[in-house]
Each structure stands twice: as structure tokens, then as C-alpha cells.
């Protein structure tokens, strides 16, 4: 089963996705080990995480620039424009 990494704009969906039995974590928690969403994680840190210890994750982001950089580096990424589409999109994968 795939694991998903939620970019900061999707932190609020963590509980809903976990209720749906979707294995996921937030970038904030996975990278800096805190749930404090006020801490911003730079795109470069997210990509470095995905390249190293986060290889099993697929990034969920609404940042189309970050999505393009991930694809260019061969990293798993699903760019999504609407928060309400995340659970539906993941179920279809």
C-alpha cells in the first residue's frame, strides 16, 4: 500500500485520511517531527526528504511548481487543486 505525504496546505486533511485508512503523514511532521503547522517546510527540504528517507511516500500538493520539480526529479507526486478531491483521488489510485 502506498504512503502519502501531505504538503502543508493539506495538513488539515490528515485526520480525515487516516479515518479512511489511508496511510499518510504531513511534511511538517515527517521532516521536522512536529505537528506545528506554523512551521513552513521549504520545497527543497520536501524533495530531499522524498529522495532519501521518504522514498516510500507520494507527495500530495496543490503547489504545481513543486509538483513539476518532483516529476522532473522522478519523485512520486500527485498535484491536486482542491482539498475535497484528495480522498477521492487517492481512492482511485
PDB file of N, CA and C in Angstrom:
ATOM      1  N   UNK A   1       0.840  -1.186   0.000  1.00  0.00           N
ATOM      2  CA  UNK A   1       0.000   0.000   0.000  1.00  0.00           C
ATOM      3  C   UNK A   1       0.884   1.247   0.000  1.00  0.00           C
ATOM      4  N   UNK A   2       0.508   2.216  -0.771  1.00  0.00           N
ATOM      5  CA  UNK A   2       1.272   3.462  -0.863  1.00  0.00           C
ATOM      6  C   UNK A   2       1.090   4.302   0.389  1.00  0.00           C
ATOM      7  N   UNK A   3       2.094   5.087   0.686  1.00  0.00           N
ATOM      8  CA  UNK A   3       2.031   6.049   1.780  1.00  0.00           C
ATOM      9  C   UNK A   3       2.034   7.438   1.145  1.00  0.00           C
ATOM     10  N   UNK A   4       1.319   8.351   1.749  1.00  0.00           N
ATOM     11  CA  UNK A   4       1.197   9.694   1.202  1.00  0.00           C
ATOM     12  C   UNK A   4       1.758  10.723   2.171  1.00  0.00           C
ATOM     13  N   UNK A   5       2.400  11.733   1.601  1.00  0.00           N
ATOM     14  CA  UNK A   5       2.954  12.845   2.356  1.00  0.00           C
ATOM     15  C   UNK A   5       2.166  14.088   1.965  1.00  0.00           C
ATOM     16  N   UNK A   6       1.512  14.704   2.947  1.00  0.00           N
ATOM     17  CA  UNK A   6       0.685  15.871   2.676  1.00  0.00           C
ATOM     18  C   UNK A   6       1.505  17.143   2.775  1.00  0.00           C
ATOM     19  N   UNK A   7       1.509  17.927   1.702  1.00  0.00           N
ATOM     20  CA  UNK A   7       2.144  19.232   1.740  1.00  0.00           C
ATOM     21  C   UNK A   7       1.357  20.103   2.717  1.00  0.00           C
ATOM     22  N   UNK A   8       1.957  21.162   3.178  1.00  0.00           N
ATOM     23  CA  UNK A   8       1.416  21.954   4.277  1.00  0.00           C
ATOM     24  C   UNK A   8      -0.028  22.410   4.071  1.00  0.00           C
ATOM     25  N   UNK A   9      -0.404  22.747   2.860  1.00  0.00           N
ATOM     26  CA  UNK A   9      -1.768  23.236   2.647  1.00  0.00           C
ATOM     27  C   UNK A   9      -2.827  22.159   2.874  1.00  0.00           C
ATOM     28  N   UNK A  10      -2.392  20.901   2.993  1.00  0.00           N
ATOM     29  CA  UNK A  10      -3.324  19.799   3.227  1.00  0.00           C
ATOM     30  C   UNK A  10      -3.212  19.206   4.629  1.00  0.00           C
ATOM     31  N   UNK A  11      -2.480  19.848   5.540  1.00  0.00           N
ATOM     32  CA  UNK A  11      -2.326  19.337   6.906  1.00  0.00           C
ATOM     33  C   UNK A  11      -3.670  19.053   7.565  1.00  0.00           C
ATOM     34  N   UNK A  12      -4.660  19.891   7.315  1.00  0.00           N
ATOM     35  CA  UNK A  12      -5.967  19.737   7.940  1.00  0.00           C
ATOM     36  C   UNK A  12      -6.714  18.488   7.515  1.00  0.00           C
ATOM     37  N   UNK A  13      -6.246  17.810   6.474  1.00  0.00           N
ATOM     38  CA  UNK A  13      -6.918  16.605   5.993  1.00  0.00           C
ATOM     39  C   UNK A  13      -6.372  15.321   6.602  1.00  0.00           C
ATOM     40  N   UNK A  14      -5.329  15.434   7.417  1.00  0.00           N
ATOM     41  CA  UNK A  14      -4.683  14.241   7.952  1.00  0.00           C
ATOM     42  C   UNK A  14      -5.673  13.330   8.672  1.00  0.00           C
ATOM     43  N   UNK A  15      -6.439  13.871   9.605  1.00  0.00           N
ATOM     44  CA  UNK A  15      -7.375  13.044  10.377  1.00  0.00           C
ATOM     45  C   UNK A  15      -8.400  12.357   9.478  1.00  0.00           C
ATOM     46  N   UNK A  16      -8.926  13.090   8.509  1.00  0.00           N
ATOM     47  CA  UNK A  16      -9.921  12.513   7.604  1.00  0.00           C
ATOM     48  C   UNK A  16      -9.325  11.355   6.802  1.00  0.00           C
ATOM     49  N   UNK A  17      -8.107  11.538   6.301  1.00  0.00           N
ATOM     50  CA  UNK A  17      -7.478  10.481   5.515  1.00  0.00           C
ATOM     51  C   UNK A  17      -7.147   9.268   6.370  1.00  0.00           C
ATOM     52  N   UNK A  18      -6.689   9.504   7.594  1.00  0.00           N
ATOM     53  CA  UNK A  18      -6.393   8.383   8.488  1.00  0.00           C
ATOM     54  C   UNK A  18      -7.674   7.612   8.827  1.00  0.00           C
ATOM     55  N   UNK A  19      -8.800   8.313   8.989  1.00  0.00           N
ATOM     56  CA  UNK A  19     -10.089   7.640   9.228  1.00  0.00           C
ATOM     57  C   UNK A  19     -10.460   6.750   8.055  1.00  0.00           C
ATOM     58  N   UNK A  20     -10.053   7.167   6.858  1.00  0.00           N
ATOM     59  CA  UNK A  20     -10.330   6.391   5.641  1.00  0.00           C
ATOM     60  C   UNK A  20      -9.324   5.248   5.463  1.00  0.00           C
ATOM     61  N   UNK A  21      -8.452   5.059   6.471  1.00  0.00           N
ATOM     62  CA  UNK A  21      -7.420   4.011   6.437  1.00  0.00           C
ATOM     63  C   UNK A  21      -6.387   4.256   5.338  1.00  0.00           C
ATOM     64  N   UNK A  22      -6.154   5.533   5.031  1.00  0.00           N
ATOM     65  CA  UNK A  22      -5.132   5.919   4.059  1.00  0.00           C
ATOM     66  C   UNK A  22      -3.867   6.247   4.845  1.00  0.00           C
ATOM     67  N   UNK A  23      -2.794   5.522   4.568  1.00  0.00           N
ATOM     68  CA  UNK A  23      -1.547   5.727   5.287  1.00  0.00           C
ATOM     69  C   UNK A  23      -0.901   7.025   4.814  1.00  0.00           C
ATOM     70  N   UNK A  24      -0.768   7.985   5.742  1.00  0.00           N
ATOM     71  CA  UNK A  24      -0.227   9.279   5.358  1.00  0.00           C
ATOM     72  C   UNK A  24       0.387   9.995   6.557  1.00  0.00           C
ATOM     73  N   UNK A  25       1.142  11.034   6.250  1.00  0.00           N
ATOM     74  CA  UNK A  25       1.744  11.894   7.251  1.00  0.00           C
ATOM     75  C   UNK A  25       1.847  13.277   6.625  1.00  0.00           C
ATOM     76  N   UNK A  26       2.068  14.274   7.470  1.00  0.00           N
ATOM     77  CA  UNK A  26       2.283  15.616   6.946  1.00  0.00           C
ATOM     78  C   UNK A  26       3.776  15.829   6.739  1.00  0.00           C
ATOM     79  N   UNK A  27       4.124  16.681   5.802  1.00  0.00           N
ATOM     80  CA  UNK A  27       5.535  17.007   5.577  1.00  0.00           C
ATOM     81  C   UNK A  27       6.132  17.622   6.829  1.00  0.00           C
ATOM     82  N   UNK A  28       5.360  18.453   7.511  1.00  0.00           N
ATOM     83  CA  UNK A  28       5.844  19.092   8.731  1.00  0.00           C
ATOM     84  C   UNK A  28       6.239  18.041   9.766  1.00  0.00           C
ATOM     85  N   UNK A  29       5.381  17.053   9.995  1.00  0.00           N
ATOM     86  CA  UNK A  29       5.675  16.018  10.989  1.00  0.00           C
ATOM     87  C   UNK A  29       6.801  15.103  10.525  1.00  0.00           C
ATOM     88  N   UNK A  30       6.762  14.671   9.284  1.00  0.00           N
ATOM     89  CA  UNK A  30       7.756  13.724   8.787  1.00  0.00           C
ATOM     90  C   UNK A  30       9.166  14.323   8.749  1.00  0.00           C
ATOM     91  N   UNK A  31       9.255  15.604   8.440  1.00  0.00           N
ATOM     92  CA  UNK A  31      10.573  16.212   8.238  1.00  0.00           C
ATOM     93  C   UNK A  31      11.122  16.865   9.496  1.00  0.00           C
ATOM     94  N   UNK A  32      10.315  17.630  10.212  1.00  0.00           N
ATOM     95  CA  UNK A  32      10.831  18.333  11.404  1.00  0.00           C
ATOM     96  C   UNK A  32      10.253  17.780  12.709  1.00  0.00           C
ATOM     97  N   UNK A  33       9.490  16.687  12.596  1.00  0.00           N
ATOM     98  CA  UNK A  33       8.989  15.951  13.768  1.00  0.00           C
ATOM     99  C   UNK A  33       8.142  16.794  14.709  1.00  0.00           C
ATOM    100  N   UNK A  34       7.304  17.648  14.140  1.00  0.00           N
ATOM    101  CA  UNK A  34       6.354  18.422  14.922  1.00  0.00           C
ATOM    102  C   UNK A  34       5.041  18.504  14.151  1.00  0.00           C
ATOM    103  N   UNK A  35       3.959  18.729  14.874  1.00  0.00           N
ATOM    104  CA  UNK A  35       2.659  18.931  14.235  1.00  0.00           C
ATOM    105  C   UNK A  35       2.298  20.404  14.159  1.00  0.00           C
ATOM    106  N   UNK A  36       3.235  21.274  14.461  1.00  0.00           N
ATOM    107  CA  UNK A  36       3.003  22.716  14.440  1.00  0.00           C
ATOM    108  C   UNK A  36       2.966  23.206  12.991  1.00  0.00           C
ATOM    109  N   UNK A  37       1.764  23.413  12.473  1.00  0.00           N
ATOM    110  CA  UNK A  37       1.597  23.788  11.069  1.00  0.00           C
ATOM    111  C   UNK A  37       2.078  25.202  10.766  1.00  0.00           C
ATOM    112  N   UNK A  38       2.451  25.947  11.807  1.00  0.00           N
ATOM    113  CA  UNK A  38       3.004  27.292  11.562  1.00  0.00           C
ATOM    114  C   UNK A  38       4.425  27.213  11.030  1.00  0.00           C
ATOM    115  N   UNK A  39       5.049  26.047  11.170  1.00  0.00           N
ATOM    116  CA  UNK A  39       6.411  25.863  10.673  1.00  0.00           C
ATOM    117  C   UNK A  39       6.336  25.523   9.188  1.00  0.00           C
ATOM    118  N   UNK A  40       6.945  26.360   8.396  1.00  0.00           N
ATOM    119  CA  UNK A  40       6.930  26.172   6.950  1.00  0.00           C
ATOM    120  C   UNK A  40       8.101  25.283   6.524  1.00  0.00           C
ATOM    121  N   UNK A  41       7.823  24.328   5.659  1.00  0.00           N
ATOM    122  CA  UNK A  41       8.851  23.436   5.133  1.00  0.00           C
ATOM    123  C   UNK A  41       9.114  23.849   3.686  1.00  0.00           C
ATOM    124  N   UNK A  42      10.340  24.244   3.404  1.00  0.00           N
ATOM    125  CA  UNK A  42      10.711  24.691   2.057  1.00  0.00           C
ATOM    126  C   UNK A  42      10.633  23.511   1.082  1.00  0.00           C
ATOM    127  N   UNK A  43      10.259  23.812  -0.150  1.00  0.00           N
ATOM    128  CA  UNK A  43      10.121  22.776  -1.177  1.00  0.00           C
ATOM    129  C   UNK A  43      11.374  21.918  -1.312  1.00  0.00           C
ATOM    130  N   UNK A  44      12.551  22.534  -1.229  1.00  0.00           N
ATOM    131  CA  UNK A  44      13.798  21.771  -1.352  1.00  0.00           C
ATOM    132  C   UNK A  44      13.915  20.708  -0.261  1.00  0.00           C
ATOM    133  N   UNK A  45      13.481  21.034   0.959  1.00  0.00           N
ATOM    134  CA  UNK A  45      13.531  20.061   2.058  1.00  0.00           C
ATOM    135  C   UNK A  45      12.575  18.903   1.787  1.00  0.00           C
ATOM    136  N   UNK A  46      11.425  19.218   1.232  1.00  0.00           N
ATOM    137  CA  UNK A  46      10.453  18.165   0.917  1.00  0.00           C
ATOM    138  C   UNK A  46      11.026  17.230  -0.137  1.00  0.00           C
ATOM    139  N   UNK A  47      11.604  17.801  -1.190  1.00  0.00           N
ATOM    140  CA  UNK A  47      12.166  16.962  -2.251  1.00  0.00           C
ATOM    141  C   UNK A  47      13.343  16.133  -1.732  1.00  0.00           C
ATOM    142  N   UNK A  48      14.193  16.725  -0.895  1.00  0.00           N
ATOM    143  CA  UNK A  48      15.327  15.990  -0.317  1.00  0.00           C
ATOM    144  C   UNK A  48      14.813  14.826   0.543  1.00  0.00           C
ATOM    145  N   UNK A  49      13.764  15.074   1.329  1.00  0.00           N
ATOM    146  CA  UNK A  49      13.155  14.018   2.136  1.00  0.00           C
ATOM    147  C   UNK A  49      12.657  12.887   1.236  1.00  0.00           C
ATOM    148  N   UNK A  50      11.947  13.227   0.166  1.00  0.00           N
ATOM    149  CA  UNK A  50      11.404  12.214  -0.739  1.00  0.00           C
ATOM    150  C   UNK A  50      12.518  11.420  -1.427  1.00  0.00           C
ATOM    151  N   UNK A  51      13.631  12.059  -1.690  1.00  0.00           N
ATOM    152  CA  UNK A  51      14.757  11.381  -2.335  1.00  0.00           C
ATOM    153  C   UNK A  51      15.491  10.442  -1.376  1.00  0.00           C
ATOM    154  N   UNK A  52      15.410  10.699  -0.091  1.00  0.00           N
ATOM    155  CA  UNK A  52      16.178   9.936   0.894  1.00  0.00           C
ATOM    156  C   UNK A  52      15.263   9.078   1.756  1.00  0.00           C
ATOM    157  N   UNK A  53      15.009   9.481   2.978  1.00  0.00           N
ATOM    158  CA  UNK A  53      14.244   8.641   3.899  1.00  0.00           C
ATOM    159  C   UNK A  53      12.764   8.528   3.557  1.00  0.00           C
ATOM    160  N   UNK A  54      12.244   9.366   2.689  1.00  0.00           N
ATOM    161  CA  UNK A  54      10.831   9.321   2.331  1.00  0.00           C
ATOM    162  C   UNK A  54      10.544   8.657   1.003  1.00  0.00           C
ATOM    163  N   UNK A  55      11.401   7.750   0.570  1.00  0.00           N
ATOM    164  CA  UNK A  55      11.239   7.130  -0.754  1.00  0.00           C
ATOM    165  C   UNK A  55       9.916   6.389  -0.926  1.00  0.00           C
ATOM    166  N   UNK A  56       9.318   5.928   0.153  1.00  0.00           N
ATOM    167  CA  UNK A  56       8.059   5.198   0.030  1.00  0.00           C
ATOM    168  C   UNK A  56       6.832   6.089  -0.044  1.00  0.00           C
ATOM    169  N   UNK A  57       7.025   7.396   0.052  1.00  0.00           N
ATOM    170  CA  UNK A  57       5.904   8.337   0.053  1.00  0.00           C
ATOM    171  C   UNK A  57       5.603   8.895  -1.335  1.00  0.00           C
ATOM    172  N   UNK A  58       4.341   9.232  -1.527  1.00  0.00           N
ATOM    173  CA  UNK A  58       3.903  10.016  -2.683  1.00  0.00           C
ATOM    174  C   UNK A  58       3.413  11.339  -2.127  1.00  0.00           C
ATOM    175  N   UNK A  59       3.964  12.426  -2.630  1.00  0.00           N
ATOM    176  CA  UNK A  59       3.593  13.764  -2.164  1.00  0.00           C
ATOM    177  C   UNK A  59       2.248  14.178  -2.731  1.00  0.00           C
ATOM    178  N   UNK A  60       1.384  14.712  -1.866  1.00  0.00           N
ATOM    179  CA  UNK A  60       0.119  15.322  -2.277  1.00  0.00           C
ATOM    180  C   UNK A  60       0.292  16.824  -2.091  1.00  0.00           C
ATOM    181  N   UNK A  61       0.168  17.581  -3.173  1.00  0.00           N
ATOM    182  CA  UNK A  61       0.391  19.022  -3.097  1.00  0.00           C
ATOM    183  C   UNK A  61      -0.518  19.771  -4.057  1.00  0.00           C
ATOM    184  N   UNK A  62      -0.817  21.005  -3.704  1.00  0.00           N
ATOM    185  CA  UNK A  62      -1.533  21.910  -4.609  1.00  0.00           C
ATOM    186  C   UNK A  62      -0.553  22.879  -5.262  1.00  0.00           C
ATOM    187  N   UNK A  63       0.716  22.777  -4.893  1.00  0.00           N
ATOM    188  CA  UNK A  63       1.770  23.633  -5.439  1.00  0.00           C
ATOM    189  C   UNK A  63       2.234  23.027  -6.762  1.00  0.00           C
ATOM    190  N   UNK A  64       1.738  23.568  -7.866  1.00  0.00           N
ATOM    191  CA  UNK A  64       2.043  22.988  -9.172  1.00  0.00           C
ATOM    192  C   UNK A  64       3.524  23.092  -9.515  1.00  0.00           C
ATOM    193  N   UNK A  65       4.202  24.134  -9.010  1.00  0.00           N
ATOM    194  CA  UNK A  65       5.641  24.267  -9.221  1.00  0.00           C
ATOM    195  C   UNK A  65       6.394  23.149  -8.519  1.00  0.00           C
ATOM    196  N   UNK A  66       6.028  22.879  -7.274  1.00  0.00           N
ATOM    197  CA  UNK A  66       6.644  21.784  -6.532  1.00  0.00           C
ATOM    198  C   UNK A  66       6.353  20.458  -7.222  1.00  0.00           C
ATOM    199  N   UNK A  67       5.132  20.292  -7.681  1.00  0.00           N
ATOM    200  CA  UNK A  67       4.772  19.069  -8.401  1.00  0.00           C
ATOM    201  C   UNK A  67       5.644  18.859  -9.624  1.00  0.00           C
ATOM    202  N   UNK A  68       5.882  19.922 -10.383  1.00  0.00           N
ATOM    203  CA  UNK A  68       6.728  19.827 -11.582  1.00  0.00           C
ATOM    204  C   UNK A  68       8.155  19.468 -11.202  1.00  0.00           C
ATOM    205  N   UNK A  69       8.682  20.096 -10.153  1.00  0.00           N
ATOM    206  CA  UNK A  69      10.050  19.782  -9.716  1.00  0.00           C
ATOM    207  C   UNK A  69      10.155  18.319  -9.283  1.00  0.00           C
ATOM    208  N   UNK A  70       9.137  17.819  -8.608  1.00  0.00           N
ATOM    209  CA  UNK A  70       9.143  16.411  -8.202  1.00  0.00           C
ATOM    210  C   UNK A  70       9.157  15.500  -9.424  1.00  0.00           C
ATOM    211  N   UNK A  71       8.276  15.771 -10.375  1.00  0.00           N
ATOM    212  CA  UNK A  71       8.231  14.949 -11.586  1.00  0.00           C
ATOM    213  C   UNK A  71       9.567  15.005 -12.322  1.00  0.00           C
ATOM    214  N   UNK A  72      10.171  16.191 -12.397  1.00  0.00           N
ATOM    215  CA  UNK A  72      11.462  16.340 -13.072  1.00  0.00           C
ATOM    216  C   UNK A  72      12.548  15.500 -12.407  1.00  0.00           C
ATOM    217  N   UNK A  73      12.421  15.294 -11.096  1.00  0.00           N
ATOM    218  CA  UNK A  73      13.411  14.500 -10.343  1.00  0.00           C
ATOM    219  C   UNK A  73      13.003  13.044 -10.200  1.00  0.00           C
ATOM    220  N   UNK A  74      11.890  12.669 -10.806  1.00  0.00           N
ATOM    221  CA  UNK A  74      11.434  11.287 -10.733  1.00  0.00           C
ATOM    222  C   UNK A  74      10.826  10.906  -9.397  1.00  0.00           C
ATOM    223  N   UNK A  75      10.340  11.900  -8.657  1.00  0.00           N
ATOM    224  CA  UNK A  75       9.730  11.657  -7.354  1.00  0.00           C
ATOM    225  C   UNK A  75       8.227  11.471  -7.497  1.00  0.00           C
ATOM    226  N   UNK A  76       7.649  10.643  -6.659  1.00  0.00           N
ATOM    227  CA  UNK A  76       6.210  10.400  -6.698  1.00  0.00           C
ATOM    228  C   UNK A  76       5.459  11.611  -6.170  1.00  0.00           C
ATOM    229  N   UNK A  77       4.534  12.109  -6.962  1.00  0.00           N
ATOM    230  CA  UNK A  77       3.796  13.312  -6.593  1.00  0.00           C
ATOM    231  C   UNK A  77       2.438  13.314  -7.278  1.00  0.00           C
ATOM    232  N   UNK A  78       1.432  13.763  -6.531  1.00  0.00           N
ATOM    233  CA  UNK A  78       0.097  13.941  -7.090  1.00  0.00           C
ATOM    234  C   UNK A  78      -0.294  15.394  -6.863  1.00  0.00           C
ATOM    235  N   UNK A  79      -0.258  16.222  -7.918  1.00  0.00           N
ATOM    236  CA  UNK A  79      -0.701  17.604  -7.755  1.00  0.00           C
ATOM    237  C   UNK A  79      -2.229  17.673  -7.795  1.00  0.00           C
ATOM    238  N   UNK A  80      -2.818  18.298  -6.779  1.00  0.00           N
ATOM    239  CA  UNK A  80      -4.273  18.381  -6.660  1.00  0.00           C
ATOM    240  C   UNK A  80      -4.650  19.830  -6.373  1.00  0.00           C
ATOM    241  N   UNK A  81      -5.690  20.295  -7.019  1.00  0.00           N
ATOM    242  CA  UNK A  81      -6.087  21.689  -6.862  1.00  0.00           C
ATOM    243  C   UNK A  81      -7.124  21.936  -5.775  1.00  0.00           C
ATOM    244  N   UNK A  82      -7.893  20.951  -5.416  1.00  0.00           N
ATOM    245  CA  UNK A  82      -8.973  21.157  -4.455  1.00  0.00           C
ATOM    246  C   UNK A  82      -8.837  20.201  -3.280  1.00  0.00           C
ATOM    247  N   UNK A  83      -8.896  20.711  -2.050  1.00  0.00           N
ATOM    248  CA  UNK A  83      -8.765  19.862  -0.861  1.00  0.00           C
ATOM    249  C   UNK A  83      -9.792  18.729  -0.835  1.00  0.00           C
ATOM    250  N   UNK A  84     -11.001  19.019  -1.227  1.00  0.00           N
ATOM    251  CA  UNK A  84     -12.035  17.996  -1.148  1.00  0.00           C
ATOM    252  C   UNK A  84     -11.804  16.855  -2.130  1.00  0.00           C
ATOM    253  N   UNK A  85     -10.928  17.035  -3.098  1.00  0.00           N
ATOM    254  CA  UNK A  85     -10.652  15.982  -4.064  1.00  0.00           C
ATOM    255  C   UNK A  85      -9.608  14.988  -3.578  1.00  0.00           C
ATOM    256  N   UNK A  86      -8.853  15.303  -2.553  1.00  0.00           N
ATOM    257  CA  UNK A  86      -7.755  14.446  -2.118  1.00  0.00           C
ATOM    258  C   UNK A  86      -8.224  13.035  -1.776  1.00  0.00           C
ATOM    259  N   UNK A  87      -9.176  12.855  -0.845  1.00  0.00           N
ATOM    260  CA  UNK A  87      -9.574  11.484  -0.509  1.00  0.00           C
ATOM    261  C   UNK A  87     -10.100  10.714  -1.729  1.00  0.00           C
ATOM    262  N   UNK A  88     -10.906  11.370  -2.561  1.00  0.00           N
ATOM    263  CA  UNK A  88     -11.447  10.707  -3.748  1.00  0.00           C
ATOM    264  C   UNK A  88     -10.337  10.325  -4.712  1.00  0.00           C
ATOM    265  N   UNK A  89      -9.388  11.216  -4.922  1.00  0.00           N
ATOM    266  CA  UNK A  89      -8.304  10.936  -5.863  1.00  0.00           C
ATOM    267  C   UNK A  89      -7.445   9.775  -5.375  1.00  0.00           C
ATOM    268  N   UNK A  90      -7.119   9.745  -4.087  1.00  0.00           N
ATOM    269  CA  UNK A  90      -6.283   8.690  -3.544  1.00  0.00           C
ATOM    270  C   UNK A  90      -6.989   7.340  -3.653  1.00  0.00           C
ATOM    271  N   UNK A  91      -8.282   7.310  -3.406  1.00  0.00           N
ATOM    272  CA  UNK A  91      -9.037   6.041  -3.511  1.00  0.00           C
ATOM    273  C   UNK A  91      -8.964   5.480  -4.927  1.00  0.00           C
ATOM    274  N   UNK A  92      -8.858   6.365  -5.921  1.00  0.00           N
ATOM    275  CA  UNK A  92      -8.840   5.925  -7.326  1.00  0.00           C
ATOM    276  C   UNK A  92      -7.470   5.441  -7.773  1.00  0.00           C
ATOM    277  N   UNK A  93      -6.421   5.739  -7.011  1.00  0.00           N
ATOM    278  CA  UNK A  93      -5.055   5.344  -7.414  1.00  0.00           C
ATOM    279  C   UNK A  93      -4.839   3.856  -7.288  1.00  0.00           C
TER     280      UNK A  93
END
